[in-house]
Amino acid sequence: NPEDTAVYYCAALESSYTYYVSRRASEYDYWGQGTQVTVSS
């Protein structure tokens, strides 16, 4: 839907924990350059 329109970024966080996920952008170590997604109504 149009609310999904954004630049989407891939990110990687080095972790010792097998099942851990993080919601905090500040924890991620590496980032891609982004790809634009545009949804029109």
Full PDB file with SEQRES, HELIX, SHEET, SSBOND, CRYST1, ORIGX, SCALE, CONECT and MASTER records, all heavy atoms in Angstrom:
SEQRES   1 A   41  ASN PRO GLU ASP THR ALA VAL TYR TYR CYS ALA ALA LEU          
SEQRES   2 A   41  GLU SER SER TYR THR TYR TYR VAL SER ARG ARG ALA SER          
SEQRES   3 A   41  GLU TYR ASP TYR TRP GLY GLN GLY THR GLN VAL THR VAL          
SEQRES   4 A   41  SER SER                                                      
HELIX    1 AA1 PRO A    2  ASP A    4  5                                   3    
HELIX    2 AA2 ALA A   25  GLU A   27  5                                   3    
SHEET    1 AA1 2 ALA A   6  TYR A   8  0                                        
SHEET    2 AA1 2 THR A  35  VAL A  37 -1                                        
SHEET    1 AA2 2 ALA A  11  ALA A  12  0                                        
SHEET    2 AA2 2 TYR A  30  TRP A  31 -1                                        
CRYST1    1.000    1.000    1.000  90.00  90.00  90.00 P 1           1          
ORIGX1      1.000000  0.000000  0.000000        0.00000                         
ORIGX2      0.000000  1.000000  0.000000        0.00000                         
ORIGX3      0.000000  0.000000  1.000000        0.00000                         
SCALE1      1.000000  0.000000  0.000000        0.00000                         
SCALE2      0.000000  1.000000  0.000000        0.00000                         
SCALE3      0.000000  0.000000  1.000000        0.00000                         
ATOM      1  N   ASN A   1       0.851  -1.187   0.000  1.00  0.00           N  
ATOM      2  CA  ASN A   1       0.000   0.000   0.000  1.00  0.00           C  
ATOM      3  C   ASN A   1       0.893   1.246   0.000  1.00  0.00           C  
ATOM      4  O   ASN A   1       2.102   1.155   0.252  1.00  0.00           O  
ATOM      5  CB  ASN A   1      -0.960  -0.029   1.190  1.00  0.00           C  
ATOM      6  CG  ASN A   1      -0.238  -0.094   2.523  1.00  0.00           C  
ATOM      7  OD1 ASN A   1       0.516   0.813   2.865  1.00  0.00           O  
ATOM      8  ND2 ASN A   1      -0.468  -1.163   3.267  1.00  0.00           N  
ATOM      9  N   PRO A   2       0.315   2.398  -0.297  1.00  0.00           N  
ATOM     10  CA  PRO A   2       1.133   3.615  -0.407  1.00  0.00           C  
ATOM     11  C   PRO A   2       1.945   3.928   0.846  1.00  0.00           C  
ATOM     12  O   PRO A   2       3.010   4.561   0.752  1.00  0.00           O  
ATOM     13  CB  PRO A   2       0.096   4.702  -0.691  1.00  0.00           C  
ATOM     14  CG  PRO A   2      -0.980   3.986  -1.429  1.00  0.00           C  
ATOM     15  CD  PRO A   2      -1.060   2.630  -0.776  1.00  0.00           C  
ATOM     16  N   GLU A   3       1.474   3.487   2.010  1.00  0.00           N  
ATOM     17  CA  GLU A   3       2.211   3.731   3.258  1.00  0.00           C  
ATOM     18  C   GLU A   3       3.514   2.942   3.318  1.00  0.00           C  
ATOM     19  O   GLU A   3       4.356   3.198   4.184  1.00  0.00           O  
ATOM     20  CB  GLU A   3       1.342   3.390   4.469  1.00  0.00           C  
ATOM     21  CG  GLU A   3       0.188   4.355   4.722  1.00  0.00           C  
ATOM     22  CD  GLU A   3      -0.897   4.263   3.660  1.00  0.00           C  
ATOM     23  OE1 GLU A   3      -1.204   3.130   3.215  1.00  0.00           O  
ATOM     24  OE2 GLU A   3      -1.442   5.327   3.262  1.00  0.00           O  
ATOM     25  N   ASP A   4       3.691   1.995   2.424  1.00  0.00           N  
ATOM     26  CA  ASP A   4       4.939   1.231   2.374  1.00  0.00           C  
ATOM     27  C   ASP A   4       6.008   1.948   1.553  1.00  0.00           C  
ATOM     28  O   ASP A   4       7.154   1.486   1.486  1.00  0.00           O  
ATOM     29  CB  ASP A   4       4.701  -0.153   1.769  1.00  0.00           C  
ATOM     30  CG  ASP A   4       3.778  -1.015   2.618  1.00  0.00           C  
ATOM     31  OD1 ASP A   4       3.973  -1.044   3.856  1.00  0.00           O  
ATOM     32  OD2 ASP A   4       2.872  -1.656   2.052  1.00  0.00           O  
ATOM     33  N   THR A   5       5.660   3.039   0.924  1.00  0.00           N  
ATOM     34  CA  THR A   5       6.621   3.786   0.122  1.00  0.00           C  
ATOM     35  C   THR A   5       7.745   4.326   1.005  1.00  0.00           C  
ATOM     36  O   THR A   5       7.495   5.003   2.000  1.00  0.00           O  
ATOM     37  CB  THR A   5       5.927   4.954  -0.591  1.00  0.00           C  
ATOM     38  OG1 THR A   5       4.986   4.421  -1.535  1.00  0.00           O  
ATOM     39  CG2 THR A   5       6.928   5.834  -1.319  1.00  0.00           C  
ATOM     40  N   ALA A   6       8.965   3.994   0.634  1.00  0.00           N  
ATOM     41  CA  ALA A   6      10.128   4.390   1.429  1.00  0.00           C  
ATOM     42  C   ALA A   6      11.399   3.899   0.735  1.00  0.00           C  
ATOM     43  O   ALA A   6      11.327   3.120  -0.219  1.00  0.00           O  
ATOM     44  CB  ALA A   6      10.059   3.797   2.832  1.00  0.00           C  
ATOM     45  N   VAL A   7      12.516   4.343   1.257  1.00  0.00           N  
ATOM     46  CA  VAL A   7      13.792   3.721   0.904  1.00  0.00           C  
ATOM     47  C   VAL A   7      14.028   2.594   1.899  1.00  0.00           C  
ATOM     48  O   VAL A   7      13.939   2.810   3.114  1.00  0.00           O  
ATOM     49  CB  VAL A   7      14.951   4.732   0.941  1.00  0.00           C  
ATOM     50  CG1 VAL A   7      16.264   4.024   0.610  1.00  0.00           C  
ATOM     51  CG2 VAL A   7      14.692   5.881  -0.023  1.00  0.00           C  
ATOM     52  N   TYR A   8      14.297   1.430   1.387  1.00  0.00           N  
ATOM     53  CA  TYR A   8      14.495   0.248   2.214  1.00  0.00           C  
ATOM     54  C   TYR A   8      15.989  -0.069   2.313  1.00  0.00           C  
ATOM     55  O   TYR A   8      16.691  -0.113   1.292  1.00  0.00           O  
ATOM     56  CB  TYR A   8      13.742  -0.937   1.640  1.00  0.00           C  
ATOM     57  CG  TYR A   8      12.256  -0.867   1.896  1.00  0.00           C  
ATOM     58  CD1 TYR A   8      11.460   0.066   1.250  1.00  0.00           C  
ATOM     59  CD2 TYR A   8      11.651  -1.728   2.816  1.00  0.00           C  
ATOM     60  CE1 TYR A   8      10.099   0.148   1.496  1.00  0.00           C  
ATOM     61  CE2 TYR A   8      10.289  -1.652   3.062  1.00  0.00           C  
ATOM     62  CZ  TYR A   8       9.526  -0.712   2.408  1.00  0.00           C  
ATOM     63  OH  TYR A   8       8.176  -0.636   2.665  1.00  0.00           O  
ATOM     64  N   TYR A   9      16.426  -0.312   3.541  1.00  0.00           N  
ATOM     65  CA  TYR A   9      17.829  -0.569   3.808  1.00  0.00           C  
ATOM     66  C   TYR A   9      18.013  -1.947   4.432  1.00  0.00           C  
ATOM     67  O   TYR A   9      17.269  -2.319   5.349  1.00  0.00           O  
ATOM     68  CB  TYR A   9      18.405   0.468   4.767  1.00  0.00           C  
ATOM     69  CG  TYR A   9      18.387   1.879   4.245  1.00  0.00           C  
ATOM     70  CD1 TYR A   9      17.286   2.703   4.478  1.00  0.00           C  
ATOM     71  CD2 TYR A   9      19.460   2.393   3.530  1.00  0.00           C  
ATOM     72  CE1 TYR A   9      17.257   4.003   4.009  1.00  0.00           C  
ATOM     73  CE2 TYR A   9      19.449   3.695   3.054  1.00  0.00           C  
ATOM     74  CZ  TYR A   9      18.337   4.488   3.299  1.00  0.00           C  
ATOM     75  OH  TYR A   9      18.320   5.778   2.827  1.00  0.00           O  
ATOM     76  N   CYS A  10      19.013  -2.629   3.970  1.00  0.00           N  
ATOM     77  CA  CYS A  10      19.450  -3.886   4.562  1.00  0.00           C  
ATOM     78  C   CYS A  10      20.516  -3.565   5.608  1.00  0.00           C  
ATOM     79  O   CYS A  10      21.358  -2.683   5.387  1.00  0.00           O  
ATOM     80  CB  CYS A  10      20.022  -4.750   3.436  1.00  0.00           C  
ATOM     81  SG  CYS A  10      20.955  -6.192   3.933  1.00  0.00           S  
ATOM     82  N   ALA A  11      20.492  -4.254   6.731  1.00  0.00           N  
ATOM     83  CA  ALA A  11      21.464  -3.996   7.790  1.00  0.00           C  
ATOM     84  C   ALA A  11      21.886  -5.293   8.460  1.00  0.00           C  
ATOM     85  O   ALA A  11      21.110  -6.249   8.515  1.00  0.00           O  
ATOM     86  CB  ALA A  11      20.867  -3.039   8.819  1.00  0.00           C  
ATOM     87  N   ALA A  12      23.109  -5.284   8.980  1.00  0.00           N  
ATOM     88  CA  ALA A  12      23.667  -6.471   9.630  1.00  0.00           C  
ATOM     89  C   ALA A  12      24.228  -6.108  10.986  1.00  0.00           C  
ATOM     90  O   ALA A  12      24.891  -5.080  11.150  1.00  0.00           O  
ATOM     91  CB  ALA A  12      24.759  -7.084   8.756  1.00  0.00           C  
ATOM     92  N   LEU A  13      23.981  -6.975  11.954  1.00  0.00           N  
ATOM     93  CA  LEU A  13      24.425  -6.790  13.336  1.00  0.00           C  
ATOM     94  C   LEU A  13      25.188  -8.039  13.748  1.00  0.00           C  
ATOM     95  O   LEU A  13      24.598  -9.133  13.767  1.00  0.00           O  
ATOM     96  CB  LEU A  13      23.202  -6.577  14.213  1.00  0.00           C  
ATOM     97  CG  LEU A  13      23.329  -6.317  15.702  1.00  0.00           C  
ATOM     98  CD1 LEU A  13      21.979  -5.848  16.238  1.00  0.00           C  
ATOM     99  CD2 LEU A  13      23.758  -7.522  16.503  1.00  0.00           C  
ATOM    100  N   GLU A  14      26.446  -7.874  14.077  1.00  0.00           N  
ATOM    101  CA  GLU A  14      27.221  -9.033  14.517  1.00  0.00           C  
ATOM    102  C   GLU A  14      26.782  -9.443  15.922  1.00  0.00           C  
ATOM    103  O   GLU A  14      26.700  -8.598  16.822  1.00  0.00           O  
ATOM    104  CB  GLU A  14      28.717  -8.732  14.502  1.00  0.00           C  
ATOM    105  CG  GLU A  14      29.576  -9.961  14.736  1.00  0.00           C  
ATOM    106  CD  GLU A  14      31.044  -9.700  14.468  1.00  0.00           C  
ATOM    107  OE1 GLU A  14      31.429  -8.514  14.346  1.00  0.00           O  
ATOM    108  OE2 GLU A  14      31.810 -10.673  14.391  1.00  0.00           O  
ATOM    109  N   SER A  15      26.495 -10.725  16.082  1.00  0.00           N  
ATOM    110  CA  SER A  15      25.966 -11.187  17.356  1.00  0.00           C  
ATOM    111  C   SER A  15      26.495 -12.575  17.692  1.00  0.00           C  
ATOM    112  O   SER A  15      26.731 -13.389  16.804  1.00  0.00           O  
ATOM    113  CB  SER A  15      24.438 -11.226  17.310  1.00  0.00           C  
ATOM    114  OG  SER A  15      23.910 -11.785  18.489  1.00  0.00           O  
ATOM    115  N   SER A  16      26.633 -12.812  18.990  1.00  0.00           N  
ATOM    116  CA  SER A  16      27.043 -14.135  19.464  1.00  0.00           C  
ATOM    117  C   SER A  16      25.860 -15.041  19.726  1.00  0.00           C  
ATOM    118  O   SER A  16      26.045 -16.232  19.986  1.00  0.00           O  
ATOM    119  CB  SER A  16      27.856 -13.994  20.752  1.00  0.00           C  
ATOM    120  OG  SER A  16      29.009 -13.213  20.544  1.00  0.00           O  
ATOM    121  N   TYR A  17      24.652 -14.476  19.660  1.00  0.00           N  
ATOM    122  CA  TYR A  17      23.456 -15.207  20.036  1.00  0.00           C  
ATOM    123  C   TYR A  17      22.703 -15.712  18.825  1.00  0.00           C  
ATOM    124  O   TYR A  17      22.383 -14.954  17.913  1.00  0.00           O  
ATOM    125  CB  TYR A  17      22.554 -14.321  20.895  1.00  0.00           C  
ATOM    126  CG  TYR A  17      23.243 -13.848  22.135  1.00  0.00           C  
ATOM    127  CD1 TYR A  17      23.729 -12.548  22.235  1.00  0.00           C  
ATOM    128  CD2 TYR A  17      23.452 -14.703  23.220  1.00  0.00           C  
ATOM    129  CE1 TYR A  17      24.378 -12.109  23.360  1.00  0.00           C  
ATOM    130  CE2 TYR A  17      24.112 -14.273  24.356  1.00  0.00           C  
ATOM    131  CZ  TYR A  17      24.570 -12.972  24.417  1.00  0.00           C  
ATOM    132  OH  TYR A  17      25.223 -12.540  25.537  1.00  0.00           O  
ATOM    133  N   THR A  18      22.361 -16.975  18.851  1.00  0.00           N  
ATOM    134  CA  THR A  18      21.763 -17.620  17.694  1.00  0.00           C  
ATOM    135  C   THR A  18      20.359 -17.114  17.381  1.00  0.00           C  
ATOM    136  O   THR A  18      19.978 -17.005  16.220  1.00  0.00           O  
ATOM    137  CB  THR A  18      21.709 -19.136  17.918  1.00  0.00           C  
ATOM    138  OG1 THR A  18      23.014 -19.612  18.194  1.00  0.00           O  
ATOM    139  CG2 THR A  18      21.160 -19.852  16.699  1.00  0.00           C  
ATOM    140  N   TYR A  19      19.570 -16.791  18.424  1.00  0.00           N  
ATOM    141  CA  TYR A  19      18.162 -16.462  18.227  1.00  0.00           C  
ATOM    142  C   TYR A  19      17.837 -14.998  18.522  1.00  0.00           C  
ATOM    143  O   TYR A  19      16.684 -14.618  18.608  1.00  0.00           O  
ATOM    144  CB  TYR A  19      17.287 -17.360  19.100  1.00  0.00           C  
ATOM    145  CG  TYR A  19      17.401 -18.811  18.719  1.00  0.00           C  
ATOM    146  CD1 TYR A  19      18.159 -19.692  19.486  1.00  0.00           C  
ATOM    147  CD2 TYR A  19      16.780 -19.296  17.575  1.00  0.00           C  
ATOM    148  CE1 TYR A  19      18.287 -21.023  19.119  1.00  0.00           C  
ATOM    149  CE2 TYR A  19      16.900 -20.620  17.207  1.00  0.00           C  
ATOM    150  CZ  TYR A  19      17.654 -21.478  17.981  1.00  0.00           C  
ATOM    151  OH  TYR A  19      17.780 -22.791  17.616  1.00  0.00           O  
ATOM    152  N   TYR A  20      18.839 -14.170  18.622  1.00  0.00           N  
ATOM    153  CA  TYR A  20      18.638 -12.764  18.963  1.00  0.00           C  
ATOM    154  C   TYR A  20      18.265 -11.940  17.743  1.00  0.00           C  
ATOM    155  O   TYR A  20      18.803 -12.162  16.649  1.00  0.00           O  
ATOM    156  CB  TYR A  20      19.917 -12.204  19.576  1.00  0.00           C  
ATOM    157  CG  TYR A  20      19.871 -10.730  19.908  1.00  0.00           C  
ATOM    158  CD1 TYR A  20      19.088 -10.276  20.965  1.00  0.00           C  
ATOM    159  CD2 TYR A  20      20.613  -9.813  19.189  1.00  0.00           C  
ATOM    160  CE1 TYR A  20      19.055  -8.932  21.285  1.00  0.00           C  
ATOM    161  CE2 TYR A  20      20.589  -8.476  19.487  1.00  0.00           C  
ATOM    162  CZ  TYR A  20      19.808  -8.034  20.538  1.00  0.00           C  
ATOM    163  OH  TYR A  20      19.772  -6.706  20.844  1.00  0.00           O  
ATOM    164  N   VAL A  21      17.313 -11.023  17.920  1.00  0.00           N  
ATOM    165  CA  VAL A  21      17.045 -10.001  16.919  1.00  0.00           C  
ATOM    166  C   VAL A  21      16.991  -8.662  17.639  1.00  0.00           C  
ATOM    167  O   VAL A  21      16.694  -8.603  18.830  1.00  0.00           O  
ATOM    168  CB  VAL A  21      15.716 -10.227  16.148  1.00  0.00           C  
ATOM    169  CG1 VAL A  21      15.801 -11.480  15.288  1.00  0.00           C  
ATOM    170  CG2 VAL A  21      14.532 -10.290  17.089  1.00  0.00           C  
ATOM    171  N   SER A  22      17.248  -7.602  16.933  1.00  0.00           N  
ATOM    172  CA  SER A  22      17.226  -6.274  17.518  1.00  0.00           C  
ATOM    173  C   SER A  22      16.354  -5.349  16.683  1.00  0.00           C  
ATOM    174  O   SER A  22      16.376  -5.414  15.446  1.00  0.00           O  
ATOM    175  CB  SER A  22      18.635  -5.704  17.603  1.00  0.00           C  
ATOM    176  OG  SER A  22      18.592  -4.342  18.002  1.00  0.00           O  
ATOM    177  N   ARG A  23      15.624  -4.482  17.383  1.00  0.00           N  
ATOM    178  CA  ARG A  23      14.802  -3.478  16.703  1.00  0.00           C  
ATOM    179  C   ARG A  23      15.500  -2.124  16.641  1.00  0.00           C  
ATOM    180  O   ARG A  23      14.973  -1.196  16.045  1.00  0.00           O  
ATOM    181  CB  ARG A  23      13.469  -3.327  17.428  1.00  0.00           C  
ATOM    182  CG  ARG A  23      12.533  -4.497  17.211  1.00  0.00           C  
ATOM    183  CD  ARG A  23      11.257  -4.312  17.979  1.00  0.00           C  
ATOM    184  NE  ARG A  23      11.376  -4.734  19.354  1.00  0.00           N  
ATOM    185  CZ  ARG A  23      10.388  -4.665  20.238  1.00  0.00           C  
ATOM    186  NH1 ARG A  23       9.228  -4.178  19.896  1.00  0.00           N  
ATOM    187  NH2 ARG A  23      10.564  -5.094  21.454  1.00  0.00           N  
ATOM    188  N   ARG A  24      16.668  -2.029  17.273  1.00  0.00           N  
ATOM    189  CA  ARG A  24      17.347  -0.732  17.385  1.00  0.00           C  
ATOM    190  C   ARG A  24      18.356  -0.539  16.257  1.00  0.00           C  
ATOM    191  O   ARG A  24      19.336  -1.278  16.147  1.00  0.00           O  
ATOM    192  CB  ARG A  24      18.043  -0.615  18.735  1.00  0.00           C  
ATOM    193  CG  ARG A  24      17.072  -0.516  19.899  1.00  0.00           C  
ATOM    194  CD  ARG A  24      17.801  -0.153  21.181  1.00  0.00           C  
ATOM    195  NE  ARG A  24      18.639  -1.249  21.644  1.00  0.00           N  
ATOM    196  CZ  ARG A  24      18.230  -2.189  22.472  1.00  0.00           C  
ATOM    197  NH1 ARG A  24      16.987  -2.183  22.909  1.00  0.00           N  
ATOM    198  NH2 ARG A  24      19.061  -3.133  22.865  1.00  0.00           N  
ATOM    199  N   ALA A  25      18.132   0.480  15.462  1.00  0.00           N  
ATOM    200  CA  ALA A  25      19.038   0.760  14.348  1.00  0.00           C  
ATOM    201  C   ALA A  25      20.461   0.996  14.827  1.00  0.00           C  
ATOM    202  O   ALA A  25      21.427   0.646  14.135  1.00  0.00           O  
ATOM    203  CB  ALA A  25      18.537   1.967  13.565  1.00  0.00           C  
ATOM    204  N   SER A  26      20.600   1.575  16.004  1.00  0.00           N  
ATOM    205  CA  SER A  26      21.927   1.913  16.515  1.00  0.00           C  
ATOM    206  C   SER A  26      22.778   0.673  16.790  1.00  0.00           C  
ATOM    207  O   SER A  26      23.998   0.769  16.892  1.00  0.00           O  
ATOM    208  CB  SER A  26      21.800   2.734  17.798  1.00  0.00           C  
ATOM    209  OG  SER A  26      21.091   2.008  18.786  1.00  0.00           O  
ATOM    210  N   GLU A  27      22.142  -0.482  16.896  1.00  0.00           N  
ATOM    211  CA  GLU A  27      22.901  -1.710  17.168  1.00  0.00           C  
ATOM    212  C   GLU A  27      23.481  -2.321  15.909  1.00  0.00           C  
ATOM    213  O   GLU A  27      24.400  -3.140  15.981  1.00  0.00           O  
ATOM    214  CB  GLU A  27      22.005  -2.744  17.848  1.00  0.00           C  
ATOM    215  CG  GLU A  27      21.680  -2.443  19.287  1.00  0.00           C  
ATOM    216  CD  GLU A  27      21.144  -3.677  20.022  1.00  0.00           C  
ATOM    217  OE1 GLU A  27      21.432  -4.807  19.579  1.00  0.00           O  
ATOM    218  OE2 GLU A  27      20.446  -3.506  21.020  1.00  0.00           O  
ATOM    219  N   TYR A  28      22.953  -1.955  14.760  1.00  0.00           N  
ATOM    220  CA  TYR A  28      23.400  -2.586  13.524  1.00  0.00           C  
ATOM    221  C   TYR A  28      24.733  -1.991  13.080  1.00  0.00           C  
ATOM    222  O   TYR A  28      24.929  -0.775  13.090  1.00  0.00           O  
ATOM    223  CB  TYR A  28      22.328  -2.457  12.443  1.00  0.00           C  
ATOM    224  CG  TYR A  28      21.175  -3.395  12.709  1.00  0.00           C  
ATOM    225  CD1 TYR A  28      20.223  -3.095  13.680  1.00  0.00           C  
ATOM    226  CD2 TYR A  28      21.062  -4.598  12.025  1.00  0.00           C  
ATOM    227  CE1 TYR A  28      19.181  -3.973  13.944  1.00  0.00           C  
ATOM    228  CE2 TYR A  28      20.021  -5.478  12.277  1.00  0.00           C  
ATOM    229  CZ  TYR A  28      19.088  -5.163  13.246  1.00  0.00           C  
ATOM    230  OH  TYR A  28      18.058  -6.029  13.515  1.00  0.00           O  
ATOM    231  N   ASP A  29      25.611  -2.891  12.623  1.00  0.00           N  
ATOM    232  CA  ASP A  29      26.982  -2.495  12.324  1.00  0.00           C  
ATOM    233  C   ASP A  29      27.185  -2.069  10.882  1.00  0.00           C  
ATOM    234  O   ASP A  29      28.033  -1.223  10.586  1.00  0.00           O  
ATOM    235  CB  ASP A  29      27.926  -3.665  12.622  1.00  0.00           C  
ATOM    236  CG  ASP A  29      27.829  -4.142  14.064  1.00  0.00           C  
ATOM    237  OD1 ASP A  29      28.100  -3.319  14.964  1.00  0.00           O  
ATOM    238  OD2 ASP A  29      27.486  -5.320  14.281  1.00  0.00           O  
ATOM    239  N   TYR A  30      26.451  -2.687   9.976  1.00  0.00           N  
ATOM    240  CA  TYR A  30      26.668  -2.446   8.555  1.00  0.00           C  
ATOM    241  C   TYR A  30      25.339  -2.183   7.862  1.00  0.00           C  
ATOM    242  O   TYR A  30      24.306  -2.770   8.220  1.00  0.00           O  
ATOM    243  CB  TYR A  30      27.363  -3.662   7.911  1.00  0.00           C  
ATOM    244  CG  TYR A  30      28.686  -3.988   8.542  1.00  0.00           C  
ATOM    245  CD1 TYR A  30      28.794  -5.030   9.447  1.00  0.00           C  
ATOM    246  CD2 TYR A  30      29.816  -3.238   8.244  1.00  0.00           C  
ATOM    247  CE1 TYR A  30      30.012  -5.325  10.043  1.00  0.00           C  
ATOM    248  CE2 TYR A  30      31.036  -3.524   8.829  1.00  0.00           C  
ATOM    249  CZ  TYR A  30      31.130  -4.565   9.729  1.00  0.00           C  
ATOM    250  OH  TYR A  30      32.326  -4.846  10.318  1.00  0.00           O  
ATOM    251  N   TRP A  31      25.401  -1.334   6.858  1.00  0.00           N  
ATOM    252  CA  TRP A  31      24.208  -0.906   6.135  1.00  0.00           C  
ATOM    253  C   TRP A  31      24.450  -0.921   4.631  1.00  0.00           C  
ATOM    254  O   TRP A  31      25.562  -0.624   4.170  1.00  0.00           O  
ATOM    255  CB  TRP A  31      23.824   0.515   6.552  1.00  0.00           C  
ATOM    256  CG  TRP A  31      23.399   0.600   7.978  1.00  0.00           C  
ATOM    257  CD1 TRP A  31      24.198   0.696   9.081  1.00  0.00           C  
ATOM    258  CD2 TRP A  31      22.062   0.572   8.464  1.00  0.00           C  
ATOM    259  NE1 TRP A  31      23.435   0.733  10.221  1.00  0.00           N  
ATOM    260  CE2 TRP A  31      22.111   0.668   9.872  1.00  0.00           C  
ATOM    261  CE3 TRP A  31      20.812   0.501   7.849  1.00  0.00           C  
ATOM    262  CZ2 TRP A  31      20.968   0.683  10.667  1.00  0.00           C  
ATOM    263  CZ3 TRP A  31      19.674   0.519   8.632  1.00  0.00           C  
ATOM    264  CH2 TRP A  31      19.760   0.603  10.024  1.00  0.00           C  
ATOM    265  N   GLY A  32      23.397  -1.228   3.899  1.00  0.00           N  
ATOM    266  CA  GLY A  32      23.442  -1.080   2.460  1.00  0.00           C  
ATOM    267  C   GLY A  32      23.113   0.348   2.067  1.00  0.00           C  
ATOM    268  O   GLY A  32      22.836   1.201   2.908  1.00  0.00           O  
ATOM    269  N   GLN A  33      23.120   0.574   0.775  1.00  0.00           N  
ATOM    270  CA  GLN A  33      22.902   1.933   0.271  1.00  0.00           C  
ATOM    271  C   GLN A  33      21.426   2.269   0.123  1.00  0.00           C  
ATOM    272  O   GLN A  33      21.076   3.440  -0.040  1.00  0.00           O  
ATOM    273  CB  GLN A  33      23.605   2.110  -1.084  1.00  0.00           C  
ATOM    274  CG  GLN A  33      22.841   1.569  -2.294  1.00  0.00           C  
ATOM    275  CD  GLN A  33      22.799   0.057  -2.355  1.00  0.00           C  
ATOM    276  OE1 GLN A  33      23.479  -0.637  -1.603  1.00  0.00           O  
ATOM    277  NE2 GLN A  33      21.988  -0.464  -3.267  1.00  0.00           N  
ATOM    278  N   GLY A  34      20.578   1.278   0.188  1.00  0.00           N  
ATOM    279  CA  GLY A  34      19.142   1.503   0.113  1.00  0.00           C  
ATOM    280  C   GLY A  34      18.580   1.287  -1.279  1.00  0.00           C  
ATOM    281  O   GLY A  34      19.275   1.451  -2.283  1.00  0.00           O  
ATOM    282  N   THR A  35      17.320   0.911  -1.311  1.00  0.00           N  
ATOM    283  CA  THR A  35      16.602   0.745  -2.574  1.00  0.00           C  
ATOM    284  C   THR A  35      15.210   1.341  -2.427  1.00  0.00           C  
ATOM    285  O   THR A  35      14.552   1.138  -1.403  1.00  0.00           O  
ATOM    286  CB  THR A  35      16.543  -0.734  -2.988  1.00  0.00           C  
ATOM    287  OG1 THR A  35      15.969  -0.853  -4.298  1.00  0.00           O  
ATOM    288  CG2 THR A  35      15.761  -1.587  -2.009  1.00  0.00           C  
ATOM    289  N   GLN A  36      14.779   2.080  -3.417  1.00  0.00           N  
ATOM    290  CA  GLN A  36      13.507   2.803  -3.341  1.00  0.00           C  
ATOM    291  C   GLN A  36      12.347   1.880  -3.677  1.00  0.00           C  
ATOM    292  O   GLN A  36      12.379   1.154  -4.673  1.00  0.00           O  
ATOM    293  CB  GLN A  36      13.514   3.986  -4.314  1.00  0.00           C  
ATOM    294  CG  GLN A  36      12.205   4.757  -4.367  1.00  0.00           C  
ATOM    295  CD  GLN A  36      11.942   5.557  -3.107  1.00  0.00           C  
ATOM    296  OE1 GLN A  36      12.839   6.239  -2.596  1.00  0.00           O  
ATOM    297  NE2 GLN A  36      10.710   5.494  -2.609  1.00  0.00           N  
ATOM    298  N   VAL A  37      11.332   1.949  -2.843  1.00  0.00           N  
ATOM    299  CA  VAL A  37      10.061   1.274  -3.108  1.00  0.00           C  
ATOM    300  C   VAL A  37       8.975   2.335  -3.147  1.00  0.00           C  
ATOM    301  O   VAL A  37       8.824   3.105  -2.197  1.00  0.00           O  
ATOM    302  CB  VAL A  37       9.745   0.231  -2.018  1.00  0.00           C  
ATOM    303  CG1 VAL A  37       8.321  -0.307  -2.199  1.00  0.00           C  
ATOM    304  CG2 VAL A  37      10.754  -0.904  -2.066  1.00  0.00           C  
ATOM    305  N   THR A  38       8.252   2.381  -4.239  1.00  0.00           N  
ATOM    306  CA  THR A  38       7.185   3.355  -4.408  1.00  0.00           C  
ATOM    307  C   THR A  38       5.895   2.627  -4.745  1.00  0.00           C  
ATOM    308  O   THR A  38       5.852   1.845  -5.701  1.00  0.00           O  
ATOM    309  CB  THR A  38       7.514   4.358  -5.518  1.00  0.00           C  
ATOM    310  OG1 THR A  38       8.751   5.005  -5.223  1.00  0.00           O  
ATOM    311  CG2 THR A  38       6.417   5.403  -5.646  1.00  0.00           C  
ATOM    312  N   VAL A  39       4.873   2.860  -3.932  1.00  0.00           N  
ATOM    313  CA  VAL A  39       3.581   2.215  -4.136  1.00  0.00           C  
ATOM    314  C   VAL A  39       2.559   3.297  -4.436  1.00  0.00           C  
ATOM    315  O   VAL A  39       2.353   4.206  -3.629  1.00  0.00           O  
ATOM    316  CB  VAL A  39       3.157   1.406  -2.904  1.00  0.00           C  
ATOM    317  CG1 VAL A  39       1.862   0.647  -3.201  1.00  0.00           C  
ATOM    318  CG2 VAL A  39       4.252   0.440  -2.484  1.00  0.00           C  
ATOM    319  N   SER A  40       1.927   3.193  -5.572  1.00  0.00           N  
ATOM    320  CA  SER A  40       0.938   4.188  -5.972  1.00  0.00           C  
ATOM    321  C   SER A  40      -0.470   3.649  -5.763  1.00  0.00           C  
ATOM    322  O   SER A  40      -0.717   2.451  -5.870  1.00  0.00           O  
ATOM    323  CB  SER A  40       1.137   4.564  -7.435  1.00  0.00           C  
ATOM    324  OG  SER A  40       1.049   3.417  -8.256  1.00  0.00           O  
ATOM    325  N   SER A  41      -1.366   4.569  -5.458  1.00  0.00           N  
ATOM    326  CA  SER A  41      -2.756   4.164  -5.186  1.00  0.00           C  
ATOM    327  C   SER A  41      -3.573   4.090  -6.457  1.00  0.00           C  
ATOM    328  O   SER A  41      -3.161   4.524  -7.508  1.00  0.00           O  
ATOM    329  CB  SER A  41      -3.388   5.151  -4.206  1.00  0.00           C  
ATOM    330  OG  SER A  41      -3.330   6.455  -4.744  1.00  0.00           O  
TER     331      SER A  41                                                      
MASTER        0    0    0    2    4    0    0    6  330    1    0    4          
END                                                                             
